[in-house]
């Protein structure tokens, strides 16, 4: 094999597929990036058996071939080469020569035939959304997935399609994030649970252009994202997702309408008094036309008054301030509505059309008052 491509093309391609290289594995071949020049295009592939990424890059194929190179070594070499054409050639299955200007590397390689290829998937059942929409909906929900495997369901997000609406849901046991996206076309009903890791990596790769589209295909066990010149194949999380609708209530005893930026800035200031790992709640005391926000820690205390419009009863309630900040940061509206039942029931932050719903469980604040 002998290929020639610009360093910039190689760096971009390697950066994309590296996201599917496992950090720890007992199979050395999975630590590799596959360079496939057996056809008329140069394909780079990485696969950790749960997530696989394939992308094509521009270049010249002088002689066809296929080789697997250690991802860490290969990406470091490519990144530090001069900004010029890079030549990659192989004389055998276990050696690769990388040349750029006066720099020449000779590194160990593995046979491409040993590589775990991406599963072949019939992409007939698919939906189409813009890169911008996908990137945004991930940003607006991903923070409330669980980061441990005690309950695998919580490490993924529910993608639920019903006619021309895509609903994306995440939860971690303390909060729920829901976003609804209107699709251009109507589709058959479908529910799948997509691993959070897959969505995080995709949101790093896609450009986020409003006029660039992502085709999302489904099979029984996999989801496929196709965009630009890249294909991402991920295993789905198996099982039945939580019954979210049973957790959502339209009843409330207190509704507060408040300026989002004022509320967010105030909570943000309050967290200056909390050490990392400290679980001090922020207390919200709602009376008449104001919300008093209070926090008390070993460092000190703070209280601040924010004007609001209130319907219903006065209420004092406590929350983990980070959960409020996470939700408020991804809401674009200038004003937000917060719905409460009592000091022990969840708070709902949602808009009139319920295009977004954020549910946050309160915390016991008796010791903090």
Protein backbone atom coordinates (compact mmCIF):
# COMPACT_ATOMS: atom_id res chain seq x y z
CA UNK A 1 0.00 0.00 0.00
CA UNK A 2 1.11 3.54 -0.72
CA UNK A 3 -1.06 6.62 -0.16
CA UNK A 4 -0.38 10.35 -0.16
CA UNK A 5 -2.59 12.89 1.62
CA UNK A 6 -2.36 16.34 3.15
CA UNK A 7 -1.47 16.42 6.83
CA UNK A 8 -4.62 18.48 7.59
CA UNK A 9 -6.88 15.83 6.04
CA UNK A 10 -5.11 13.08 7.94
CA UNK A 11 -5.27 14.95 11.26
CA UNK A 12 -9.00 15.58 10.86
CA UNK A 13 -9.76 11.97 9.90
CA UNK A 14 -7.65 10.51 12.71
CA UNK A 15 -9.23 12.89 15.22
CA UNK A 16 -12.73 11.77 14.19
CA UNK A 17 -12.16 8.01 14.36
CA UNK A 18 -9.97 8.14 17.50
CA UNK A 19 -13.14 8.74 19.50
CA UNK A 20 -14.00 5.06 18.99
CA UNK A 21 -10.63 3.74 20.20
CA UNK A 22 -11.00 2.15 23.67
CA UNK A 23 -8.83 3.52 26.48
CA UNK A 24 -8.44 0.01 27.93
CA UNK A 25 -8.73 -3.29 26.12
CA UNK A 26 -7.26 -6.78 26.20
CA UNK A 27 -7.35 -6.89 22.37
CA UNK A 28 -4.43 -4.96 20.82
CA UNK A 29 -6.17 -4.77 17.42
CA UNK A 30 -8.89 -2.58 18.98
CA UNK A 31 -6.21 -0.03 19.92
CA UNK A 32 -5.61 0.50 16.20
CA UNK A 33 -6.93 2.72 13.43
CA UNK A 34 -7.57 0.83 10.20
CA UNK A 35 -6.33 2.53 7.01
CA UNK A 36 -8.23 0.99 4.13
CA UNK A 37 -7.11 1.91 0.60
CA UNK A 38 -8.40 -1.25 -1.11
CA UNK A 39 -10.98 0.71 -3.16
CA UNK A 40 -10.92 4.16 -4.78
CA UNK A 41 -11.21 6.02 -1.46
CA UNK A 42 -9.09 6.21 1.70
CA UNK A 43 -11.13 5.07 4.70
CA UNK A 44 -10.11 5.37 8.34
CA UNK A 45 -11.94 3.21 10.89
CA UNK A 46 -11.87 2.60 14.64
CA UNK A 47 -14.11 0.23 16.58
CA UNK A 48 -14.34 -0.61 20.28
CA UNK A 49 -17.16 -3.16 19.65
CA UNK A 50 -19.76 -0.82 21.19
CA UNK A 51 -19.03 2.26 19.06
CA UNK A 52 -17.52 2.25 15.58
CA UNK A 53 -16.56 5.27 13.47
CA UNK A 54 -15.57 5.32 9.81
CA UNK A 55 -14.60 8.41 7.79
CA UNK A 56 -13.18 8.98 4.32
CA UNK A 57 -10.40 11.46 3.54
CA UNK A 58 -9.04 12.93 0.31
CA UNK A 59 -5.74 11.65 -0.98
CA UNK A 60 -3.93 9.78 -3.74
CA UNK A 61 -3.78 5.98 -3.76
CA UNK A 62 -0.57 4.95 -5.52
CA UNK A 63 -1.01 1.31 -4.63
CA UNK A 64 -3.90 -0.30 -2.85
CA UNK A 65 -3.75 -2.01 0.50
CA UNK A 66 -4.97 -2.15 4.08
CA UNK A 67 -3.14 -1.80 7.41
CA UNK A 68 -3.92 -1.29 11.12
CA UNK A 69 -1.75 1.15 13.11
CA UNK A 70 -1.69 1.81 16.85
CA UNK A 71 -4.02 4.80 17.26
CA UNK A 72 -2.08 6.57 19.99
CA UNK A 73 1.30 6.41 18.23
CA UNK A 74 -0.14 7.11 14.78
CA UNK A 75 -2.18 10.15 15.90
CA UNK A 76 0.78 11.65 17.81
CA UNK A 77 3.08 11.22 14.80
CA UNK A 78 0.56 12.72 12.37
CA UNK A 79 -0.16 15.68 14.64
CA UNK A 80 3.53 16.59 14.94
CA UNK A 81 4.50 16.20 11.28
CA UNK A 82 5.28 19.30 9.14
CA UNK A 83 2.28 20.89 7.37
CA UNK A 84 2.77 19.14 4.06
CA UNK A 85 1.92 15.98 2.14
CA UNK A 86 2.23 12.75 4.13
CA UNK A 87 3.16 9.45 2.51
CA UNK A 88 2.10 6.21 4.21
CA UNK A 89 3.41 3.00 2.72
CA UNK A 90 3.70 -0.63 3.74
CA UNK A 91 6.10 -3.28 2.56
CA UNK A 92 4.65 -5.99 4.80
CA UNK A 93 1.70 -6.56 7.16
CA UNK A 94 3.75 -5.72 10.24
CA UNK A 95 5.60 -2.54 9.22
CA UNK A 96 4.49 0.93 8.04
CA UNK A 97 6.62 3.85 6.85
CA UNK A 98 5.29 7.39 7.38
CA UNK A 99 7.19 10.15 5.55
CA UNK A 100 6.67 13.92 5.47
CA UNK A 101 9.38 16.26 4.14
CA UNK A 102 12.57 15.11 5.91
CA UNK A 103 10.79 13.25 8.70
CA UNK A 104 10.53 9.48 8.35
CA UNK A 105 8.92 7.08 10.84
CA UNK A 106 9.01 3.32 10.65
CA UNK A 107 6.42 1.83 13.01
CA UNK A 108 4.97 -1.58 13.82
CA UNK A 109 1.65 -2.44 12.20
CA UNK A 110 -0.94 -5.19 12.29
CA UNK A 111 -2.70 -6.94 9.45
CA UNK A 112 -5.89 -5.17 8.40
CA UNK A 113 -7.56 -8.55 8.00
CA UNK A 114 -7.55 -9.00 11.80
CA UNK A 115 -9.49 -5.77 12.36
CA UNK A 116 -13.08 -5.83 13.63
CA UNK A 117 -15.05 -4.19 10.85
CA UNK A 118 -18.19 -2.17 11.48
CA UNK A 119 -21.32 -4.31 11.27
CA UNK A 120 -23.03 -4.16 7.87
CA UNK A 121 -26.37 -2.49 8.44
CA UNK A 122 -29.30 -2.02 6.07
CA UNK A 123 -30.10 1.66 6.35
CA UNK A 124 -33.71 1.66 5.21
CA UNK A 125 -35.45 2.82 8.38
CA UNK A 126 -34.12 6.34 9.02
CA UNK A 127 -34.95 9.91 10.00
CA UNK A 128 -33.22 13.10 8.93
CA UNK A 129 -32.43 16.11 11.14
CA UNK A 130 -29.97 18.98 10.87
CA UNK A 131 -26.50 18.79 12.44
CA UNK A 132 -27.38 21.91 14.45
CA UNK A 133 -30.54 20.32 15.89
CA UNK A 134 -28.76 17.10 16.87
CA UNK A 135 -25.87 18.94 18.47
CA UNK A 136 -28.26 21.21 20.39
CA UNK A 137 -30.58 18.47 21.64
CA UNK A 138 -27.59 16.51 22.96
CA UNK A 139 -26.23 19.62 24.70
CA UNK A 140 -29.64 20.31 26.24
CA UNK A 141 -30.09 16.82 27.74
CA UNK A 142 -26.76 14.99 28.11
CA UNK A 143 -25.90 16.51 31.50
CA UNK A 144 -28.61 14.50 33.23
CA UNK A 145 -27.48 11.01 32.26
CA UNK A 146 -25.86 8.94 35.02
CA UNK A 147 -22.10 8.56 34.77
CA UNK A 148 -21.89 5.09 36.34
CA UNK A 149 -23.13 1.69 35.28
CA UNK A 150 -25.24 0.83 38.34
CA UNK A 151 -28.27 1.23 36.09
CA UNK A 152 -27.28 0.99 32.41
CA UNK A 153 -30.56 2.60 31.29
CA UNK A 154 -29.55 5.84 33.01
CA UNK A 155 -26.27 6.00 31.04
CA UNK A 156 -28.22 6.43 27.79
CA UNK A 157 -30.86 8.70 26.30
CA UNK A 158 -34.28 7.70 25.03
CA UNK A 159 -34.94 8.64 21.39
CA UNK A 160 -38.69 8.33 20.90
CA UNK A 161 -40.21 9.01 17.49
CA UNK A 162 -43.94 9.53 17.13
CA UNK A 163 -45.17 10.74 13.76
CA UNK A 164 -43.30 14.03 13.15
CA UNK A 165 -41.93 14.51 16.69
CA UNK A 166 -38.64 13.29 18.16
CA UNK A 167 -38.59 13.27 21.95
CA UNK A 168 -35.21 12.95 23.67
CA UNK A 169 -35.14 12.01 27.36
CA UNK A 170 -32.36 11.58 29.93
CA UNK A 171 -32.42 10.98 33.68
CA UNK A 172 -30.07 10.12 36.52
CA UNK A 173 -32.40 9.47 39.45
CA UNK A 174 -32.36 13.09 40.67
CA UNK A 175 -33.61 14.91 37.58
CA UNK A 176 -35.11 14.40 34.14
CA UNK A 177 -34.43 16.36 30.94
CA UNK A 178 -36.86 16.22 28.02
CA UNK A 179 -36.64 17.96 24.66
CA UNK A 180 -39.11 17.71 21.78
CA UNK A 181 -37.98 18.26 18.19
CA UNK A 182 -40.36 18.76 15.26
CA UNK A 183 -39.26 16.69 12.27
CA UNK A 184 -39.83 17.69 8.65
CA UNK A 185 -41.58 14.39 7.85
CA UNK A 186 -43.72 11.84 9.65
CA UNK A 187 -42.19 8.48 10.65
CA UNK A 188 -43.24 5.17 12.14
CA UNK A 189 -43.29 5.11 15.98
CA UNK A 190 -40.01 3.92 17.48
CA UNK A 191 -38.19 3.94 20.84
CA UNK A 192 -34.46 3.29 21.23
CA UNK A 193 -31.96 3.92 24.04
CA UNK A 194 -28.73 5.46 22.72
CA UNK A 195 -25.58 5.29 24.89
CA UNK A 196 -24.60 8.68 26.28
CA UNK A 197 -20.97 8.09 25.22
CA UNK A 198 -22.07 7.76 21.58
CA UNK A 199 -24.01 11.04 21.71
CA UNK A 200 -21.16 12.88 23.43
CA UNK A 201 -18.67 11.75 20.78
CA UNK A 202 -21.02 12.60 17.90
CA UNK A 203 -21.63 16.10 19.26
CA UNK A 204 -17.85 16.65 19.24
CA UNK A 205 -17.51 15.48 15.63
CA UNK A 206 -20.42 17.17 13.86
CA UNK A 207 -19.98 20.74 12.74
CA UNK A 208 -23.42 21.90 13.83
CA UNK A 209 -24.41 23.61 10.58
CA UNK A 210 -28.12 24.35 10.27
CA UNK A 211 -28.19 23.36 6.59
CA UNK A 212 -26.10 20.17 6.96
CA UNK A 213 -28.11 17.03 7.61
CA UNK A 214 -27.62 13.88 9.66
CA UNK A 215 -29.30 10.66 8.62
CA UNK A 216 -30.14 8.50 11.65
CA UNK A 217 -30.92 4.85 10.89
CA UNK A 218 -32.16 2.12 13.22
CA UNK A 219 -31.97 -1.63 13.48
CA UNK A 220 -32.93 -3.94 16.33
CA UNK A 221 -29.51 -3.62 18.02
CA UNK A 222 -27.79 -0.62 16.41
CA UNK A 223 -28.20 3.06 15.59
CA UNK A 224 -26.29 4.62 12.69
CA UNK A 225 -25.48 8.32 12.26
CA UNK A 226 -24.34 9.34 8.78
CA UNK A 227 -23.15 12.88 8.08
CA UNK A 228 -20.60 14.65 5.93
CA UNK A 229 -18.20 11.79 5.05
CA UNK A 230 -18.51 9.98 8.36
CA UNK A 231 -20.44 6.94 9.56
CA UNK A 232 -20.98 6.27 13.28
CA UNK A 233 -22.40 2.89 14.29
CA UNK A 234 -23.35 2.30 17.92
CA UNK A 235 -24.91 -0.54 19.83
CA UNK A 236 -28.19 0.37 21.49
CA UNK A 237 -28.86 -0.21 25.19
CA UNK A 238 -31.27 -3.11 25.45
CA UNK A 239 -34.36 -3.08 27.62
CA UNK A 240 -37.47 -1.05 28.41
CA UNK A 241 -36.90 2.61 29.32
CA UNK A 242 -38.46 4.15 32.41
CA UNK A 243 -42.11 5.19 32.21
CA UNK A 244 -41.42 8.88 32.06
CA UNK A 245 -45.00 10.05 31.49
CA UNK A 246 -46.05 8.67 34.88
CA UNK A 247 -43.49 10.99 36.50
CA UNK A 248 -44.78 14.12 34.78
CA UNK A 249 -47.59 16.04 36.39
CA UNK A 250 -49.47 19.15 35.28
CA UNK A 251 -50.74 19.84 38.81
CA UNK A 252 -49.11 22.58 40.86
CA UNK A 253 -49.73 24.65 43.99
CA UNK A 254 -47.19 27.38 43.15
CA UNK A 255 -46.08 28.78 39.80
CA UNK A 256 -43.27 31.29 39.46
CA UNK A 257 -42.50 33.35 36.35
CA UNK A 258 -38.99 34.82 36.53
CA UNK A 259 -36.19 36.28 34.41
CA UNK A 260 -33.95 33.33 33.53
CA UNK A 261 -30.66 35.23 33.47
CA UNK A 262 -31.30 36.85 36.86
CA UNK A 263 -32.12 33.49 38.43
CA UNK A 264 -29.17 31.72 36.81
CA UNK A 265 -26.68 34.47 37.76
CA UNK A 266 -27.91 34.48 41.34
CA UNK A 267 -27.54 30.69 41.75
CA UNK A 268 -24.14 30.87 40.06
CA UNK A 269 -22.99 33.49 42.58
CA UNK A 270 -24.25 31.37 45.46
CA UNK A 271 -22.09 28.42 44.37
CA UNK A 272 -18.96 30.49 45.09
CA UNK A 273 -19.50 29.51 48.71
CA UNK A 274 -19.61 25.76 48.04
CA UNK A 275 -16.48 23.64 47.95
CA UNK A 276 -16.27 20.94 45.31
CA UNK A 277 -17.96 17.80 46.60
CA UNK A 278 -19.91 19.77 49.22
CA UNK A 279 -23.63 19.06 49.04
CA UNK A 280 -25.04 22.28 50.44
CA UNK A 281 -28.50 23.07 49.06
CA UNK A 282 -29.69 26.44 47.84
CA UNK A 283 -32.90 27.45 49.65
CA UNK A 284 -35.58 29.24 47.64
CA UNK A 285 -38.14 31.13 49.71
CA UNK A 286 -41.06 32.22 47.52
CA UNK A 287 -43.31 34.93 48.96
CA UNK A 288 -45.61 37.41 47.27
CA UNK A 289 -43.74 38.85 44.27
CA UNK A 290 -40.22 37.76 45.17
CA UNK A 291 -37.89 34.77 45.52
CA UNK A 292 -35.24 34.90 48.22
CA UNK A 293 -32.30 32.60 47.46
CA UNK A 294 -30.11 31.61 50.42
CA UNK A 295 -27.06 29.45 50.87
CA UNK A 296 -24.96 28.72 53.93
CA UNK A 297 -21.66 26.83 54.08
CA UNK A 298 -18.42 26.69 56.05
CA UNK A 299 -17.05 29.46 53.84
CA UNK A 300 -19.90 31.86 54.53
CA UNK A 301 -23.48 32.68 53.64
CA UNK A 302 -25.34 34.61 50.96
CA UNK A 303 -28.89 35.70 50.35
CA UNK A 304 -30.36 37.56 47.41
CA UNK A 305 -33.82 38.72 46.42
CA UNK A 306 -35.20 38.33 42.89
CA UNK A 307 -38.48 39.78 41.71
CA UNK A 308 -40.92 37.35 40.11
CA UNK A 309 -44.58 36.80 39.33
CA UNK A 310 -46.19 34.17 41.56
CA UNK A 311 -49.44 32.23 41.27
CA UNK A 312 -50.53 30.13 44.22
CA UNK A 313 -49.07 29.45 47.65
CA UNK A 314 -45.91 30.69 49.35
CA UNK A 315 -43.23 28.01 49.46
CA UNK A 316 -39.78 27.29 50.85
CA UNK A 317 -37.84 24.57 49.02
CA UNK A 318 -34.22 23.42 48.66
CA UNK A 319 -32.26 22.16 45.62
CA UNK A 320 -28.84 21.04 44.56
CA UNK A 321 -27.75 24.31 42.88
CA UNK A 322 -25.82 22.49 40.12
CA UNK A 323 -29.00 20.80 38.89
CA UNK A 324 -30.77 24.16 38.55
CA UNK A 325 -27.76 25.70 36.79
CA UNK A 326 -27.47 22.79 34.32
CA UNK A 327 -31.11 23.15 33.27
CA UNK A 328 -31.25 26.96 33.14
CA UNK A 329 -28.05 27.20 31.07
CA UNK A 330 -29.54 25.27 28.15
CA UNK A 331 -32.88 27.10 28.07
CA UNK A 332 -32.91 29.85 25.44
CA UNK A 333 -36.03 31.68 26.72
CA UNK A 334 -35.55 35.01 28.49
CA UNK A 335 -38.30 34.22 31.01
CA UNK A 336 -38.97 30.81 32.58
CA UNK A 337 -41.84 29.21 34.47
CA UNK A 338 -41.17 27.04 37.52
CA UNK A 339 -43.96 24.80 38.85
CA UNK A 340 -44.03 23.43 42.42
CA UNK A 341 -46.45 21.21 44.36
CA UNK A 342 -44.78 21.27 47.79
CA UNK A 343 -41.34 21.24 49.42
CA UNK A 344 -40.95 17.48 48.88
CA UNK A 345 -42.25 17.19 45.30
CA UNK A 346 -40.25 17.81 42.10
CA UNK A 347 -39.92 21.22 40.50
CA UNK A 348 -40.80 21.43 36.81
CA UNK A 349 -39.24 24.01 34.51
CA UNK A 350 -41.15 23.94 31.24
CA UNK A 351 -42.50 26.15 28.47
CA UNK A 352 -46.10 26.45 27.36
CA UNK A 353 -45.71 24.04 24.40
CA UNK A 354 -43.65 21.64 26.52
CA UNK A 355 -40.89 21.66 23.90
CA UNK A 356 -38.67 21.34 26.97
CA UNK A 357 -39.36 19.93 30.43
CA UNK A 358 -36.78 19.78 33.23
CA UNK A 359 -37.77 17.93 36.39
CA UNK A 360 -35.57 18.41 39.45
CA UNK A 361 -36.06 16.66 42.77
CA UNK A 362 -35.74 18.84 45.90
CA UNK A 363 -33.39 18.11 48.79
CA UNK A 364 -33.96 18.17 52.54
CA UNK A 365 -32.77 21.54 53.79
CA UNK A 366 -33.72 21.47 57.49
CA UNK A 367 -30.07 21.40 58.54
CA UNK A 368 -29.21 24.25 56.21
CA UNK A 369 -31.85 26.79 57.26
